[in-house]
């Protein structure tokens, strides 16, 4: 590599690093703190059935958990709709028997689901 390439790379590093330490010092945590960590860290929390409503409320206050649950529900809705209506569409569109369309849909959707869960 030439000398100018190293100079440009060093210049880009200086530009990208400008002000980083100031931002790191003044950075405010954006985590949602509703006092849930303090409550969950108490001794004896979650041991009895009486703690179930409080634990459920703590889960509902966690936005990441709620979003993950909504994503899973939406995915299940799409997979159930696909497995219900795609065989009917294939049978009508491509003039296939109902059993062949259902078998084709089942084998293709199972492979896609396996690949999806392997990737995630």
Protein backbone atom coordinates (compact mmCIF):
# COMPACT_ATOMS: atom_id res chain seq x y z
CA UNK A 1 0.00 0.00 0.00
CA UNK A 2 1.10 3.50 -0.64
CA UNK A 3 1.91 6.12 1.91
CA UNK A 4 -1.12 8.21 1.00
CA UNK A 5 -3.45 5.28 1.75
CA UNK A 6 -2.17 5.13 5.32
CA UNK A 7 -2.52 8.90 5.68
CA UNK A 8 -6.15 8.82 4.50
CA UNK A 9 -6.92 5.88 6.79
CA UNK A 10 -5.40 7.76 9.75
CA UNK A 11 -7.35 10.91 8.88
CA UNK A 12 -10.62 8.97 8.76
CA UNK A 13 -9.81 7.43 12.14
CA UNK A 14 -9.23 10.88 13.64
CA UNK A 15 -12.50 12.22 12.19
CA UNK A 16 -14.54 9.26 13.41
CA UNK A 17 -13.03 9.40 16.89
CA UNK A 18 -13.57 13.13 17.43
CA UNK A 19 -15.67 13.78 20.51
CA UNK A 20 -16.24 10.13 21.36
CA UNK A 21 -14.93 10.41 24.90
CA UNK A 22 -17.13 13.41 25.68
CA UNK A 23 -20.18 11.53 24.45
CA UNK A 24 -19.26 8.47 26.50
CA UNK A 25 -18.87 10.55 29.67
CA UNK A 26 -22.18 12.35 29.22
CA UNK A 27 -24.10 9.30 28.05
CA UNK A 28 -27.26 8.64 30.01
CA UNK A 29 -28.52 5.09 30.21
CA UNK A 30 -31.64 4.64 28.13
CA UNK A 31 -32.72 1.49 29.92
CA UNK A 32 -36.22 1.55 31.34
CA UNK A 33 -35.91 1.46 35.09
CA UNK A 34 -39.18 1.11 36.95
CA UNK A 35 -37.53 -0.17 40.10
CA UNK A 36 -37.96 -3.68 38.77
CA UNK A 37 -34.33 -4.67 39.28
CA UNK A 38 -34.47 -3.75 42.94
CA UNK A 39 -37.70 -5.65 43.47
CA UNK A 40 -36.48 -8.75 41.63
CA UNK A 41 -33.21 -8.77 43.58
CA UNK A 42 -34.94 -8.94 46.95
CA UNK A 43 -34.43 -12.13 48.93
CA UNK A 44 -37.41 -14.43 48.69
CA UNK A 45 -38.98 -12.78 45.63
CA UNK A 46 -40.53 -15.35 43.32
CA UNK A 47 -40.63 -18.12 45.88
CA UNK A 48 -44.33 -18.05 46.68
CA UNK A 49 -47.40 -17.85 44.48
CA UNK A 50 -48.19 -14.42 45.93
CA UNK A 51 -45.30 -12.97 43.94
CA UNK A 52 -46.88 -14.06 40.64
CA UNK A 53 -48.89 -10.85 39.94
CA UNK A 54 -45.90 -8.65 40.76
CA UNK A 55 -43.62 -10.75 38.54
CA UNK A 56 -46.18 -10.60 35.72
CA UNK A 57 -46.37 -6.82 36.06
CA UNK A 58 -42.58 -6.59 35.89
CA UNK A 59 -42.64 -8.59 32.66
CA UNK A 60 -45.28 -6.31 31.17
CA UNK A 61 -43.12 -3.28 31.96
CA UNK A 62 -40.22 -4.78 29.98
CA UNK A 63 -40.57 -3.43 26.42
CA UNK A 64 -38.14 -5.94 24.92
CA UNK A 65 -40.12 -8.86 26.33
CA UNK A 66 -43.44 -7.43 25.12
CA UNK A 67 -42.07 -6.84 21.60
CA UNK A 68 -40.64 -10.36 21.48
CA UNK A 69 -44.01 -11.81 22.49
CA UNK A 70 -45.82 -9.77 19.84
CA UNK A 71 -43.34 -10.89 17.20
CA UNK A 72 -43.85 -14.53 18.16
CA UNK A 73 -47.62 -14.16 18.05
CA UNK A 74 -47.47 -12.50 14.63
CA UNK A 75 -45.19 -15.22 13.32
CA UNK A 76 -47.55 -17.92 14.56
CA UNK A 77 -50.48 -16.15 12.93
CA UNK A 78 -48.66 -16.01 9.59
CA UNK A 79 -47.60 -19.66 9.72
CA UNK A 80 -51.12 -20.81 10.59
CA UNK A 81 -52.61 -18.73 7.80
CA UNK A 82 -50.04 -20.06 5.36
CA UNK A 83 -50.67 -23.68 6.28
CA UNK A 84 -54.45 -23.17 6.07
CA UNK A 85 -54.92 -21.27 2.85
CA UNK A 86 -51.85 -22.01 0.71
CA UNK A 87 -52.93 -25.59 -0.18
CA UNK A 88 -56.28 -24.26 -1.40
CA UNK A 89 -54.53 -21.62 -3.49
CA UNK A 90 -52.11 -24.16 -5.00
CA UNK A 91 -54.91 -26.61 -5.78
CA UNK A 92 -56.97 -23.95 -7.55
CA UNK A 93 -54.18 -22.03 -9.25
CA UNK A 94 -52.13 -24.95 -10.57
CA UNK A 95 -54.94 -27.51 -10.98
CA UNK A 96 -53.50 -29.99 -8.46
CA UNK A 97 -55.27 -32.38 -6.14
CA UNK A 98 -55.95 -31.22 -2.59
CA UNK A 99 -53.77 -33.92 -1.06
CA UNK A 100 -50.77 -33.10 -3.28
CA UNK A 101 -51.12 -29.38 -2.59
CA UNK A 102 -51.27 -30.00 1.16
CA UNK A 103 -48.22 -32.28 1.05
CA UNK A 104 -46.29 -29.74 -1.03
CA UNK A 105 -47.18 -26.93 1.35
CA UNK A 106 -46.31 -28.97 4.44
CA UNK A 107 -42.90 -30.05 3.21
CA UNK A 108 -41.91 -26.59 2.02
CA UNK A 109 -43.14 -24.78 5.15
CA UNK A 110 -41.38 -27.22 7.50
CA UNK A 111 -38.07 -26.65 5.72
CA UNK A 112 -38.50 -22.89 5.92
CA UNK A 113 -39.37 -23.04 9.60
CA UNK A 114 -36.34 -25.23 10.36
CA UNK A 115 -34.02 -22.85 8.51
CA UNK A 116 -35.60 -19.84 10.25
CA UNK A 117 -35.09 -21.29 13.72
CA UNK A 118 -31.57 -22.41 12.87
CA UNK A 119 -30.65 -18.90 11.75
CA UNK A 120 -32.24 -17.16 14.73
